[in-house]
N, C-alpha and C. Protein backbone atom coordinates (compact mmCIF):
# COMPACT_ATOMS: atom_id res chain seq x y z
N MET A 1 0.84 -1.18 0.00
CA MET A 1 0.00 0.00 0.00
C MET A 1 0.88 1.24 0.00
N ALA A 2 0.54 2.22 -0.82
CA ALA A 2 1.32 3.45 -0.90
C ALA A 2 1.30 4.19 0.43
N GLU A 3 2.36 4.93 0.66
CA GLU A 3 2.53 5.70 1.89
C GLU A 3 2.77 7.16 1.52
N VAL A 4 1.97 8.07 2.10
CA VAL A 4 2.15 9.50 1.90
C VAL A 4 2.85 10.07 3.13
N LEU A 5 3.94 10.77 2.89
CA LEU A 5 4.72 11.34 3.99
C LEU A 5 4.73 12.85 3.85
N SER A 6 4.38 13.55 4.91
CA SER A 6 4.42 15.00 4.97
C SER A 6 5.48 15.39 6.00
N MET A 7 6.50 16.10 5.55
CA MET A 7 7.63 16.42 6.43
C MET A 7 7.88 17.92 6.46
N ARG A 8 8.39 18.40 7.58
CA ARG A 8 8.76 19.81 7.76
C ARG A 8 10.10 19.86 8.46
N TRP A 9 11.05 20.57 7.84
CA TRP A 9 12.37 20.72 8.44
C TRP A 9 12.65 22.19 8.66
N ALA A 10 12.66 22.60 9.91
CA ALA A 10 12.95 23.99 10.27
C ALA A 10 14.42 24.30 9.98
N GLY A 11 14.64 25.48 9.43
CA GLY A 11 16.01 25.97 9.24
C GLY A 11 16.70 25.50 7.97
N VAL A 12 16.10 24.62 7.19
CA VAL A 12 16.74 24.16 5.96
C VAL A 12 16.64 25.27 4.92
N THR A 13 17.76 25.57 4.28
CA THR A 13 17.80 26.65 3.28
C THR A 13 17.60 26.08 1.88
N PRO A 14 17.22 26.92 0.93
CA PRO A 14 17.14 26.45 -0.45
C PRO A 14 18.47 25.88 -0.95
N GLU A 15 19.57 26.47 -0.53
CA GLU A 15 20.88 25.98 -0.96
C GLU A 15 21.15 24.57 -0.42
N GLN A 16 20.77 24.31 0.82
CA GLN A 16 20.94 22.97 1.40
C GLN A 16 20.05 21.96 0.67
N TYR A 17 18.82 22.34 0.38
CA TYR A 17 17.92 21.45 -0.34
C TYR A 17 18.48 21.14 -1.72
N ASP A 18 18.94 22.17 -2.44
CA ASP A 18 19.49 21.96 -3.78
C ASP A 18 20.70 21.04 -3.75
N ALA A 19 21.58 21.22 -2.77
CA ALA A 19 22.76 20.35 -2.67
C ALA A 19 22.35 18.90 -2.41
N THR A 20 21.36 18.70 -1.57
CA THR A 20 20.88 17.35 -1.29
C THR A 20 20.21 16.75 -2.52
N ARG A 21 19.42 17.55 -3.20
CA ARG A 21 18.74 17.09 -4.42
C ARG A 21 19.75 16.63 -5.46
N VAL A 22 20.83 17.39 -5.64
CA VAL A 22 21.88 17.02 -6.59
C VAL A 22 22.58 15.74 -6.14
N ALA A 23 22.89 15.62 -4.84
CA ALA A 23 23.57 14.42 -4.32
C ALA A 23 22.74 13.17 -4.52
N VAL A 24 21.44 13.28 -4.31
CA VAL A 24 20.55 12.12 -4.46
C VAL A 24 20.32 11.82 -5.94
N GLY A 25 20.31 12.84 -6.78
CA GLY A 25 20.07 12.66 -8.21
C GLY A 25 18.64 12.30 -8.54
N TRP A 26 17.71 12.84 -7.75
CA TRP A 26 16.29 12.50 -7.86
C TRP A 26 15.76 12.63 -9.28
N GLU A 27 16.10 13.72 -9.97
CA GLU A 27 15.55 13.95 -11.31
C GLU A 27 16.13 12.98 -12.33
N GLU A 28 17.40 12.60 -12.17
CA GLU A 28 18.05 11.72 -13.13
C GLU A 28 17.72 10.24 -12.89
N ARG A 29 17.68 9.85 -11.63
CA ARG A 29 17.43 8.46 -11.27
C ARG A 29 16.52 8.44 -10.05
N VAL A 30 15.29 8.14 -10.28
CA VAL A 30 14.29 8.14 -9.20
C VAL A 30 14.62 7.03 -8.20
N PRO A 31 14.63 7.35 -6.90
CA PRO A 31 14.90 6.31 -5.90
C PRO A 31 13.86 5.18 -5.98
N GLU A 32 14.32 3.98 -5.80
CA GLU A 32 13.44 2.82 -5.85
C GLU A 32 12.29 2.98 -4.84
N GLY A 33 11.07 2.82 -5.31
CA GLY A 33 9.90 2.93 -4.45
C GLY A 33 9.29 4.32 -4.38
N ALA A 34 9.99 5.33 -4.92
CA ALA A 34 9.47 6.70 -4.90
C ALA A 34 8.45 6.88 -6.02
N LEU A 35 7.31 7.46 -5.69
CA LEU A 35 6.27 7.72 -6.67
C LEU A 35 6.09 9.21 -6.95
N MET A 36 6.28 10.06 -5.93
CA MET A 36 6.08 11.50 -6.09
C MET A 36 6.87 12.25 -5.02
N HIS A 37 7.38 13.42 -5.38
CA HIS A 37 8.12 14.27 -4.45
C HIS A 37 7.77 15.72 -4.76
N VAL A 38 7.24 16.42 -3.77
CA VAL A 38 6.92 17.84 -3.90
C VAL A 38 7.56 18.56 -2.72
N ALA A 39 8.27 19.65 -3.02
CA ALA A 39 8.95 20.41 -1.96
C ALA A 39 8.70 21.90 -2.17
N TRP A 40 8.58 22.62 -1.05
CA TRP A 40 8.43 24.07 -1.11
C TRP A 40 8.94 24.66 0.20
N PHE A 41 9.18 25.95 0.16
CA PHE A 41 9.66 26.66 1.35
C PHE A 41 8.57 27.54 1.90
N GLU A 42 8.50 27.55 3.22
CA GLU A 42 7.66 28.50 3.94
C GLU A 42 8.62 29.26 4.84
N PRO A 43 8.21 30.34 5.45
CA PRO A 43 9.14 31.08 6.29
C PRO A 43 9.81 30.18 7.34
N GLY A 44 11.12 30.04 7.21
CA GLY A 44 11.91 29.31 8.19
C GLY A 44 11.92 27.80 8.08
N ALA A 45 11.34 27.23 7.02
CA ALA A 45 11.30 25.77 6.95
C ALA A 45 11.12 25.26 5.52
N LEU A 46 11.56 24.04 5.32
CA LEU A 46 11.32 23.30 4.09
C LEU A 46 10.16 22.34 4.34
N ARG A 47 9.20 22.30 3.43
CA ARG A 47 8.08 21.35 3.51
C ARG A 47 8.22 20.38 2.35
N VAL A 48 7.98 19.10 2.62
CA VAL A 48 8.06 18.06 1.60
C VAL A 48 6.87 17.12 1.77
N VAL A 49 6.27 16.77 0.64
CA VAL A 49 5.28 15.70 0.62
C VAL A 49 5.78 14.68 -0.40
N ASP A 50 5.94 13.45 0.06
CA ASP A 50 6.39 12.34 -0.79
C ASP A 50 5.33 11.26 -0.80
N VAL A 51 5.29 10.52 -1.91
CA VAL A 51 4.49 9.30 -1.98
C VAL A 51 5.45 8.19 -2.35
N TRP A 52 5.45 7.13 -1.54
CA TRP A 52 6.31 5.97 -1.74
C TRP A 52 5.44 4.73 -1.86
N THR A 53 5.98 3.70 -2.49
CA THR A 53 5.23 2.46 -2.62
C THR A 53 4.91 1.85 -1.27
N SER A 54 5.79 2.11 -0.28
CA SER A 54 5.57 1.61 1.08
C SER A 54 6.46 2.40 2.05
N ARG A 55 6.14 2.31 3.32
CA ARG A 55 6.98 2.95 4.35
C ARG A 55 8.37 2.32 4.35
N ALA A 56 8.43 1.02 4.11
CA ALA A 56 9.72 0.31 4.08
C ALA A 56 10.61 0.85 2.96
N ALA A 57 10.02 1.17 1.80
CA ALA A 57 10.81 1.73 0.69
C ALA A 57 11.40 3.08 1.08
N PHE A 58 10.61 3.92 1.75
CA PHE A 58 11.13 5.21 2.21
C PHE A 58 12.23 5.01 3.24
N GLU A 59 12.03 4.13 4.20
CA GLU A 59 13.03 3.89 5.24
C GLU A 59 14.33 3.36 4.65
N GLN A 60 14.24 2.51 3.63
CA GLN A 60 15.43 2.01 2.97
C GLN A 60 16.19 3.16 2.32
N PHE A 61 15.48 4.04 1.63
CA PHE A 61 16.09 5.21 1.01
C PHE A 61 16.71 6.13 2.06
N ARG A 62 15.97 6.39 3.12
CA ARG A 62 16.42 7.32 4.17
C ARG A 62 17.68 6.82 4.86
N THR A 63 17.76 5.54 5.13
CA THR A 63 18.91 5.01 5.87
C THR A 63 20.10 4.67 4.97
N ALA A 64 19.86 4.50 3.67
CA ALA A 64 20.94 4.10 2.77
C ALA A 64 21.86 5.26 2.39
N GLY A 65 21.32 6.49 2.39
CA GLY A 65 22.14 7.65 2.04
C GLY A 65 22.05 7.99 0.56
N PRO A 66 22.67 9.12 0.17
CA PRO A 66 22.59 9.57 -1.22
C PRO A 66 23.09 8.52 -2.21
N ARG A 67 22.35 8.42 -3.30
CA ARG A 67 22.63 7.56 -4.45
C ARG A 67 22.38 6.08 -4.20
N ALA A 68 22.26 5.63 -2.98
CA ALA A 68 21.93 4.23 -2.75
C ALA A 68 20.45 4.02 -3.01
N GLY A 69 20.10 2.91 -3.57
CA GLY A 69 18.71 2.58 -3.79
C GLY A 69 18.05 3.33 -4.92
N VAL A 70 18.85 3.92 -5.83
CA VAL A 70 18.26 4.58 -6.98
C VAL A 70 18.42 3.70 -8.21
N HIS A 71 17.50 3.85 -9.14
CA HIS A 71 17.59 3.08 -10.39
C HIS A 71 17.47 3.99 -11.58
């Protein structure tokens, strides 16, 4: 069953998000199990909504680090 994750990270800057996005290579190689990724900034925080095939797929991506688990 798909899992929708809504996350908020206080203090994350656009530059930090861009560096992470490049390291992960999300646009070039979608992480295994990822279905959708939407990110935006609000005052003082980064907001992200992701849809993954399962919570386990997200946890595998989260714990594996950049570039692991991408296809």
